[in-house]
Amino acid sequence: MAKKKKKDIDSIIEALEELIKPTNLIKHFKTDKEFKDWAREGTVKDLESAIKLFEKDELYEHCKLLLEVKKEKENWNTKKKKKRK
């Protein structure tokens, strides 16, 4: 029984890993706007990690979009800090 559970868990993990591969992930977005909206949900650190993964898969157009969102967030964070002072 324990072997079956491990096999089930392994197959779930494998399916999730396949789903989140950048080459598969981008298939779920119809437009660049949808992709950027999704990217905005993450933190700057999340975006940095995503950029590395997308770069590894040579998805340079998506890297550009991720960089744009990263810059938006960094600018917003800078403005937020200035208002506190």
PDB file of N, CA and C in Angstrom:
ATOM      1  N   MET A   1       0.826  -1.200   0.000  1.00  0.00           N
ATOM      2  CA  MET A   1       0.000   0.000   0.000  1.00  0.00           C
ATOM      3  C   MET A   1       0.870   1.263   0.000  1.00  0.00           C
ATOM      4  N   ALA A   2       1.945   1.270   0.802  1.00  0.00           N
ATOM      5  CA  ALA A   2       2.825   2.435   0.880  1.00  0.00           C
ATOM      6  C   ALA A   2       3.499   2.696  -0.462  1.00  0.00           C
ATOM      7  N   LYS A   3       3.850   1.635  -1.195  1.00  0.00           N
ATOM      8  CA  LYS A   3       4.478   1.805  -2.509  1.00  0.00           C
ATOM      9  C   LYS A   3       3.506   2.448  -3.492  1.00  0.00           C
ATOM     10  N   LYS A   4       2.248   2.054  -3.409  1.00  0.00           N
ATOM     11  CA  LYS A   4       1.239   2.628  -4.304  1.00  0.00           C
ATOM     12  C   LYS A   4       1.050   4.113  -4.010  1.00  0.00           C
ATOM     13  N   LYS A   5       0.997   4.482  -2.730  1.00  0.00           N
ATOM     14  CA  LYS A   5       0.845   5.885  -2.355  1.00  0.00           C
ATOM     15  C   LYS A   5       2.033   6.694  -2.860  1.00  0.00           C
ATOM     16  N   LYS A   6       3.237   6.159  -2.694  1.00  0.00           N
ATOM     17  CA  LYS A   6       4.440   6.859  -3.156  1.00  0.00           C
ATOM     18  C   LYS A   6       4.385   7.036  -4.670  1.00  0.00           C
ATOM     19  N   LYS A   7       3.952   6.000  -5.369  1.00  0.00           N
ATOM     20  CA  LYS A   7       3.847   6.075  -6.821  1.00  0.00           C
ATOM     21  C   LYS A   7       2.804   7.125  -7.226  1.00  0.00           C
ATOM     22  N   ASP A   8       1.687   7.163  -6.513  1.00  0.00           N
ATOM     23  CA  ASP A   8       0.645   8.161  -6.782  1.00  0.00           C
ATOM     24  C   ASP A   8       1.175   9.579  -6.546  1.00  0.00           C
ATOM     25  N   ILE A   9       1.870   9.755  -5.449  1.00  0.00           N
ATOM     26  CA  ILE A   9       2.440  11.067  -5.122  1.00  0.00           C
ATOM     27  C   ILE A   9       3.472  11.458  -6.166  1.00  0.00           C
ATOM     28  N   ASP A  10       4.320  10.518  -6.541  1.00  0.00           N
ATOM     29  CA  ASP A  10       5.333  10.793  -7.558  1.00  0.00           C
ATOM     30  C   ASP A  10       4.703  11.194  -8.884  1.00  0.00           C
ATOM     31  N   SER A  11       3.609  10.532  -9.251  1.00  0.00           N
ATOM     32  CA  SER A  11       2.968  10.871 -10.531  1.00  0.00           C
ATOM     33  C   SER A  11       2.303  12.249 -10.458  1.00  0.00           C
ATOM     34  N   ILE A  12       1.778  12.612  -9.301  1.00  0.00           N
ATOM     35  CA  ILE A  12       1.198  13.952  -9.123  1.00  0.00           C
ATOM     36  C   ILE A  12       2.292  15.012  -9.221  1.00  0.00           C
ATOM     37  N   ILE A  13       3.395  14.775  -8.559  1.00  0.00           N
ATOM     38  CA  ILE A  13       4.520  15.717  -8.599  1.00  0.00           C
ATOM     39  C   ILE A  13       5.026  15.872 -10.030  1.00  0.00           C
ATOM     40  N   GLU A  14       5.143  14.758 -10.723  1.00  0.00           N
ATOM     41  CA  GLU A  14       5.604  14.789 -12.112  1.00  0.00           C
ATOM     42  C   GLU A  14       4.644  15.601 -12.994  1.00  0.00           C
ATOM     43  N   ALA A  15       3.353  15.409 -12.792  1.00  0.00           N
ATOM     44  CA  ALA A  15       2.350  16.146 -13.570  1.00  0.00           C
ATOM     45  C   ALA A  15       2.427  17.646 -13.282  1.00  0.00           C
ATOM     46  N   LEU A  16       2.612  18.004 -12.018  1.00  0.00           N
ATOM     47  CA  LEU A  16       2.722  19.423 -11.651  1.00  0.00           C
ATOM     48  C   LEU A  16       3.990  20.049 -12.225  1.00  0.00           C
ATOM     49  N   GLU A  17       5.094  19.307 -12.157  1.00  0.00           N
ATOM     50  CA  GLU A  17       6.348  19.817 -12.711  1.00  0.00           C
ATOM     51  C   GLU A  17       6.218  20.056 -14.214  1.00  0.00           C
ATOM     52  N   GLU A  18       5.522  19.161 -14.887  1.00  0.00           N
ATOM     53  CA  GLU A  18       5.299  19.309 -16.325  1.00  0.00           C
ATOM     54  C   GLU A  18       4.428  20.541 -16.605  1.00  0.00           C
ATOM     55  N   LEU A  19       3.431  20.743 -15.789  1.00  0.00           N
ATOM     56  CA  LEU A  19       2.505  21.864 -15.958  1.00  0.00           C
ATOM     57  C   LEU A  19       3.192  23.213 -15.793  1.00  0.00           C
ATOM     58  N   ILE A  20       4.127  23.300 -14.851  1.00  0.00           N
ATOM     59  CA  ILE A  20       4.750  24.594 -14.568  1.00  0.00           C
ATOM     60  C   ILE A  20       6.016  24.862 -15.375  1.00  0.00           C
ATOM     61  N   LYS A  21       6.385  23.963 -16.271  1.00  0.00           N
ATOM     62  CA  LYS A  21       7.512  24.252 -17.158  1.00  0.00           C
ATOM     63  C   LYS A  21       7.137  25.475 -17.984  1.00  0.00           C
ATOM     64  N   PRO A  22       8.061  26.414 -18.138  1.00  0.00           N
ATOM     65  CA  PRO A  22       7.741  27.630 -18.887  1.00  0.00           C
ATOM     66  C   PRO A  22       7.149  27.363 -20.272  1.00  0.00           C
ATOM     67  N   THR A  23       7.674  26.375 -20.985  1.00  0.00           N
ATOM     68  CA  THR A  23       7.159  26.097 -22.330  1.00  0.00           C
ATOM     69  C   THR A  23       5.705  25.639 -22.302  1.00  0.00           C
ATOM     70  N   ASN A  24       5.294  24.996 -21.231  1.00  0.00           N
ATOM     71  CA  ASN A  24       3.896  24.583 -21.097  1.00  0.00           C
ATOM     72  C   ASN A  24       3.043  25.679 -20.461  1.00  0.00           C
ATOM     73  N   LEU A  25       3.619  26.384 -19.532  1.00  0.00           N
ATOM     74  CA  LEU A  25       2.890  27.434 -18.811  1.00  0.00           C
ATOM     75  C   LEU A  25       2.376  28.519 -19.756  1.00  0.00           C
ATOM     76  N   ILE A  26       3.208  28.906 -20.712  1.00  0.00           N
ATOM     77  CA  ILE A  26       2.818  30.010 -21.594  1.00  0.00           C
ATOM     78  C   ILE A  26       1.624  29.656 -22.479  1.00  0.00           C
ATOM     79  N   LYS A  27       1.357  28.391 -22.643  1.00  0.00           N
ATOM     80  CA  LYS A  27       0.221  27.957 -23.459  1.00  0.00           C
ATOM     81  C   LYS A  27      -1.116  28.340 -22.832  1.00  0.00           C
ATOM     82  N   HIS A  28      -1.119  28.647 -21.551  1.00  0.00           N
ATOM     83  CA  HIS A  28      -2.347  28.969 -20.828  1.00  0.00           C
ATOM     84  C   HIS A  28      -2.742  30.448 -20.931  1.00  0.00           C
ATOM     85  N   PHE A  29      -1.884  31.249 -21.558  1.00  0.00           N
ATOM     86  CA  PHE A  29      -2.157  32.679 -21.694  1.00  0.00           C
ATOM     87  C   PHE A  29      -2.411  33.019 -23.151  1.00  0.00           C
ATOM     88  N   LYS A  30      -3.527  33.674 -23.401  1.00  0.00           N
ATOM     89  CA  LYS A  30      -3.906  34.016 -24.778  1.00  0.00           C
ATOM     90  C   LYS A  30      -3.186  35.263 -25.278  1.00  0.00           C
ATOM     91  N   THR A  31      -2.842  36.150 -24.358  1.00  0.00           N
ATOM     92  CA  THR A  31      -2.225  37.418 -24.756  1.00  0.00           C
ATOM     93  C   THR A  31      -1.054  37.745 -23.827  1.00  0.00           C
ATOM     94  N   ASP A  32      -0.229  38.682 -24.277  1.00  0.00           N
ATOM     95  CA  ASP A  32       0.863  39.170 -23.427  1.00  0.00           C
ATOM     96  C   ASP A  32       0.312  39.831 -22.173  1.00  0.00           C
ATOM     97  N   LYS A  33      -0.823  40.501 -22.317  1.00  0.00           N
ATOM     98  CA  LYS A  33      -1.444  41.163 -21.161  1.00  0.00           C
ATOM     99  C   LYS A  33      -1.821  40.133 -20.096  1.00  0.00           C
ATOM    100  N   GLU A  34      -2.398  39.026 -20.511  1.00  0.00           N
ATOM    101  CA  GLU A  34      -2.750  37.963 -19.554  1.00  0.00           C
ATOM    102  C   GLU A  34      -1.500  37.437 -18.854  1.00  0.00           C
ATOM    103  N   PHE A  35      -0.439  37.265 -19.630  1.00  0.00           N
ATOM    104  CA  PHE A  35       0.818  36.775 -19.056  1.00  0.00           C
ATOM    105  C   PHE A  35       1.363  37.767 -18.031  1.00  0.00           C
ATOM    106  N   LYS A  36       1.351  39.057 -18.386  1.00  0.00           N
ATOM    107  CA  LYS A  36       1.858  40.074 -17.470  1.00  0.00           C
ATOM    108  C   LYS A  36       0.976  40.189 -16.222  1.00  0.00           C
ATOM    109  N   ASP A  37      -0.325  40.057 -16.395  1.00  0.00           N
ATOM    110  CA  ASP A  37      -1.224  40.084 -15.238  1.00  0.00           C
ATOM    111  C   ASP A  37      -0.885  38.939 -14.285  1.00  0.00           C
ATOM    112  N   TRP A  38      -0.615  37.777 -14.852  1.00  0.00           N
ATOM    113  CA  TRP A  38      -0.218  36.625 -14.025  1.00  0.00           C
ATOM    114  C   TRP A  38       1.107  36.930 -13.325  1.00  0.00           C
ATOM    115  N   ALA A  39       2.057  37.479 -14.054  1.00  0.00           N
ATOM    116  CA  ALA A  39       3.379  37.765 -13.495  1.00  0.00           C
ATOM    117  C   ALA A  39       3.302  38.772 -12.353  1.00  0.00           C
ATOM    118  N   ARG A  40       2.361  39.707 -12.440  1.00  0.00           N
ATOM    119  CA  ARG A  40       2.213  40.737 -11.399  1.00  0.00           C
ATOM    120  C   ARG A  40       1.802  40.149 -10.049  1.00  0.00           C
ATOM    121  N   GLU A  41       1.313  38.934 -10.054  1.00  0.00           N
ATOM    122  CA  GLU A  41       0.936  38.275  -8.800  1.00  0.00           C
ATOM    123  C   GLU A  41       2.160  37.910  -7.959  1.00  0.00           C
ATOM    124  N   GLY A  42       3.311  37.808  -8.597  1.00  0.00           N
ATOM    125  CA  GLY A  42       4.525  37.401  -7.890  1.00  0.00           C
ATOM    126  C   GLY A  42       5.284  38.584  -7.317  1.00  0.00           C
ATOM    127  N   THR A  43       6.276  38.256  -6.522  1.00  0.00           N
ATOM    128  CA  THR A  43       7.175  39.265  -5.955  1.00  0.00           C
ATOM    129  C   THR A  43       8.336  39.500  -6.911  1.00  0.00           C
ATOM    130  N   VAL A  44       9.157  40.489  -6.625  1.00  0.00           N
ATOM    131  CA  VAL A  44      10.353  40.742  -7.430  1.00  0.00           C
ATOM    132  C   VAL A  44      11.235  39.496  -7.420  1.00  0.00           C
ATOM    133  N   LYS A  45      11.355  38.885  -6.273  1.00  0.00           N
ATOM    134  CA  LYS A  45      12.169  37.667  -6.157  1.00  0.00           C
ATOM    135  C   LYS A  45      11.587  36.533  -7.016  1.00  0.00           C
ATOM    136  N   ASP A  46      10.262  36.387  -7.007  1.00  0.00           N
ATOM    137  CA  ASP A  46       9.597  35.384  -7.853  1.00  0.00           C
ATOM    138  C   ASP A  46       9.908  35.646  -9.321  1.00  0.00           C
ATOM    139  N   LEU A  47       9.835  36.909  -9.704  1.00  0.00           N
ATOM    140  CA  LEU A  47      10.087  37.281 -11.099  1.00  0.00           C
ATOM    141  C   LEU A  47      11.528  36.987 -11.497  1.00  0.00           C
ATOM    142  N   GLU A  48      12.454  37.250 -10.598  1.00  0.00           N
ATOM    143  CA  GLU A  48      13.865  36.948 -10.887  1.00  0.00           C
ATOM    144  C   GLU A  48      14.062  35.448 -11.125  1.00  0.00           C
ATOM    145  N   SER A  49      13.418  34.634 -10.305  1.00  0.00           N
ATOM    146  CA  SER A  49      13.506  33.179 -10.478  1.00  0.00           C
ATOM    147  C   SER A  49      12.859  32.749 -11.789  1.00  0.00           C
ATOM    148  N   ALA A  50      11.716  33.330 -12.092  1.00  0.00           N
ATOM    149  CA  ALA A  50      11.005  32.992 -13.329  1.00  0.00           C
ATOM    150  C   ALA A  50      11.833  33.376 -14.554  1.00  0.00           C
ATOM    151  N   ILE A  51      12.457  34.526 -14.505  1.00  0.00           N
ATOM    152  CA  ILE A  51      13.271  34.983 -15.636  1.00  0.00           C
ATOM    153  C   ILE A  51      14.366  33.962 -15.931  1.00  0.00           C
ATOM    154  N   LYS A  52      15.009  33.456 -14.905  1.00  0.00           N
ATOM    155  CA  LYS A  52      16.067  32.447 -15.100  1.00  0.00           C
ATOM    156  C   LYS A  52      15.519  31.196 -15.775  1.00  0.00           C
ATOM    157  N   LEU A  53      14.344  30.746 -15.342  1.00  0.00           N
ATOM    158  CA  LEU A  53      13.745  29.548 -15.920  1.00  0.00           C
ATOM    159  C   LEU A  53      13.309  29.766 -17.367  1.00  0.00           C
ATOM    160  N   PHE A  54      12.721  30.924 -17.636  1.00  0.00           N
ATOM    161  CA  PHE A  54      12.282  31.226 -18.995  1.00  0.00           C
ATOM    162  C   PHE A  54      13.487  31.416 -19.914  1.00  0.00           C
ATOM    163  N   GLU A  55      14.553  31.989 -19.371  1.00  0.00           N
ATOM    164  CA  GLU A  55      15.782  32.163 -20.142  1.00  0.00           C
ATOM    165  C   GLU A  55      16.383  30.799 -20.506  1.00  0.00           C
ATOM    166  N   LYS A  56      16.360  29.902 -19.557  1.00  0.00           N
ATOM    167  CA  LYS A  56      16.883  28.544 -19.776  1.00  0.00           C
ATOM    168  C   LYS A  56      16.139  27.855 -20.922  1.00  0.00           C
ATOM    169  N   ASP A  57      14.838  28.118 -21.036  1.00  0.00           N
ATOM    170  CA  ASP A  57      14.023  27.535 -22.111  1.00  0.00           C
ATOM    171  C   ASP A  57      14.013  28.413 -23.370  1.00  0.00           C
ATOM    172  N   GLU A  58      14.855  29.453 -23.361  1.00  0.00           N
ATOM    173  CA  GLU A  58      15.015  30.354 -24.501  1.00  0.00           C
ATOM    174  C   GLU A  58      13.710  31.053 -24.900  1.00  0.00           C
ATOM    175  N   LEU A  59      12.907  31.397 -23.917  1.00  0.00           N
ATOM    176  CA  LEU A  59      11.655  32.127 -24.139  1.00  0.00           C
ATOM    177  C   LEU A  59      11.915  33.615 -23.882  1.00  0.00           C
ATOM    178  N   TYR A  60      12.720  34.193 -24.772  1.00  0.00           N
ATOM    179  CA  TYR A  60      13.224  35.546 -24.549  1.00  0.00           C
ATOM    180  C   TYR A  60      12.144  36.625 -24.592  1.00  0.00           C
ATOM    181  N   GLU A  61      11.122  36.443 -25.419  1.00  0.00           N
ATOM    182  CA  GLU A  61      10.023  37.415 -25.451  1.00  0.00           C
ATOM    183  C   GLU A  61       9.310  37.456 -24.097  1.00  0.00           C
ATOM    184  N   HIS A  62       9.160  36.304 -23.491  1.00  0.00           N
ATOM    185  CA  HIS A  62       8.520  36.243 -22.172  1.00  0.00           C
ATOM    186  C   HIS A  62       9.451  36.786 -21.095  1.00  0.00           C
ATOM    187  N   CYS A  63      10.762  36.590 -21.279  1.00  0.00           N
ATOM    188  CA  CYS A  63      11.720  37.189 -20.344  1.00  0.00           C
ATOM    189  C   CYS A  63      11.579  38.704 -20.365  1.00  0.00           C
ATOM    190  N   LYS A  64      11.412  39.256 -21.560  1.00  0.00           N
ATOM    191  CA  LYS A  64      11.238  40.702 -21.705  1.00  0.00           C
ATOM    192  C   LYS A  64       9.996  41.165 -20.946  1.00  0.00           C
ATOM    193  N   LEU A  65       8.910  40.424 -21.092  1.00  0.00           N
ATOM    194  CA  LEU A  65       7.674  40.781 -20.385  1.00  0.00           C
ATOM    195  C   LEU A  65       7.865  40.691 -18.874  1.00  0.00           C
ATOM    196  N   LEU A  66       8.555  39.652 -18.430  1.00  0.00           N
ATOM    197  CA  LEU A  66       8.818  39.496 -16.993  1.00  0.00           C
ATOM    198  C   LEU A  66       9.690  40.634 -16.476  1.00  0.00           C
ATOM    199  N   LEU A  67      10.674  41.036 -17.261  1.00  0.00           N
ATOM    200  CA  LEU A  67      11.524  42.163 -16.863  1.00  0.00           C
ATOM    201  C   LEU A  67      10.719  43.457 -16.761  1.00  0.00           C
ATOM    202  N   GLU A  68       9.781  43.662 -17.683  1.00  0.00           N
ATOM    203  CA  GLU A  68       8.921  44.847 -17.625  1.00  0.00           C
ATOM    204  C   GLU A  68       8.110  44.868 -16.331  1.00  0.00           C
ATOM    205  N   VAL A  69       7.556  43.727 -15.962  1.00  0.00           N
ATOM    206  CA  VAL A  69       6.773  43.640 -14.723  1.00  0.00           C
ATOM    207  C   VAL A  69       7.684  43.858 -13.516  1.00  0.00           C
ATOM    208  N   LYS A  70       8.873  43.294 -13.562  1.00  0.00           N
ATOM    209  CA  LYS A  70       9.839  43.466 -12.467  1.00  0.00           C
ATOM    210  C   LYS A  70      10.163  44.946 -12.275  1.00  0.00           C
ATOM    211  N   LYS A  71      10.407  45.647 -13.375  1.00  0.00           N
ATOM    212  CA  LYS A  71      10.708  47.085 -13.290  1.00  0.00           C
ATOM    213  C   LYS A  71       9.518  47.863 -12.735  1.00  0.00           C
ATOM    214  N   GLU A  72       8.304  47.503 -13.158  1.00  0.00           N
ATOM    215  CA  GLU A  72       7.094  48.144 -12.616  1.00  0.00           C
ATOM    216  C   GLU A  72       7.059  48.001 -11.095  1.00  0.00           C
ATOM    217  N   LYS A  73       7.308  46.787 -10.637  1.00  0.00           N
ATOM    218  CA  LYS A  73       7.253  46.516  -9.197  1.00  0.00           C
ATOM    219  C   LYS A  73       8.350  47.267  -8.455  1.00  0.00           C
ATOM    220  N   GLU A  74       9.542  47.283  -9.027  1.00  0.00           N
ATOM    221  CA  GLU A  74      10.646  47.995  -8.379  1.00  0.00           C
ATOM    222  C   GLU A  74      10.362  49.488  -8.311  1.00  0.00           C
ATOM    223  N   ASN A  75       9.814  50.052  -9.375  1.00  0.00           N
ATOM    224  CA  ASN A  75       9.453  51.483  -9.376  1.00  0.00           C
ATOM    225  C   ASN A  75       8.368  51.767  -8.346  1.00  0.00           C
ATOM    226  N   TRP A  76       7.376  50.890  -8.279  1.00  0.00           N
ATOM    227  CA  TRP A  76       6.292  51.056  -7.319  1.00  0.00           C
ATOM    228  C   TRP A  76       6.834  50.987  -5.886  1.00  0.00           C
ATOM    229  N   ASN A  77       7.729  50.026  -5.637  1.00  0.00           N
ATOM    230  CA  ASN A  77       8.321  49.887  -4.299  1.00  0.00           C
ATOM    231  C   ASN A  77       9.144  51.114  -3.934  1.00  0.00           C
ATOM    232  N   THR A  78       9.852  51.682  -4.908  1.00  0.00           N
ATOM    233  CA  THR A  78      10.654  52.881  -4.666  1.00  0.00           C
ATOM    234  C   THR A  78       9.751  54.065  -4.322  1.00  0.00           C
ATOM    235  N   LYS A  79       8.672  54.238  -5.080  1.00  0.00           N
ATOM    236  CA  LYS A  79       7.733  55.327  -4.809  1.00  0.00           C
ATOM    237  C   LYS A  79       7.084  55.163  -3.439  1.00  0.00           C
ATOM    238  N   LYS A  80       6.777  53.926  -3.094  1.00  0.00           N
ATOM    239  CA  LYS A  80       6.144  53.634  -1.810  1.00  0.00           C
ATOM    240  C   LYS A  80       7.069  54.019  -0.657  1.00  0.00           C
ATOM    241  N   LYS A  81       8.348  53.715  -0.815  1.00  0.00           N
ATOM    242  CA  LYS A  81       9.321  54.030   0.235  1.00  0.00           C
ATOM    243  C   LYS A  81       9.500  55.540   0.371  1.00  0.00           C
ATOM    244  N   LYS A  82       9.488  56.250  -0.754  1.00  0.00           N
ATOM    245  CA  LYS A  82       9.655  57.708  -0.714  1.00  0.00           C
ATOM    246  C   LYS A  82       8.480  58.383  -0.014  1.00  0.00           C
ATOM    247  N   LYS A  83       7.294  57.857  -0.196  1.00  0.00           N
ATOM    248  CA  LYS A  83       6.111  58.439   0.447  1.00  0.00           C
ATOM    249  C   LYS A  83       6.160  58.287   1.961  1.00  0.00           C
ATOM    250  N   ARG A  84       6.792  57.245   2.443  1.00  0.00           N
ATOM    251  CA  ARG A  84       6.891  56.993   3.892  1.00  0.00           C
ATOM    252  C   ARG A  84       7.776  58.022   4.576  1.00  0.00           C
ATOM    253  N   LYS A  85       8.727  58.585   3.845  1.00  0.00           N
ATOM    254  CA  LYS A  85       9.702  59.509   4.441  1.00  0.00           C
ATOM    255  C   LYS A  85       9.132  60.855   4.689  1.00  0.00           C
TER     256      LYS A  85
END
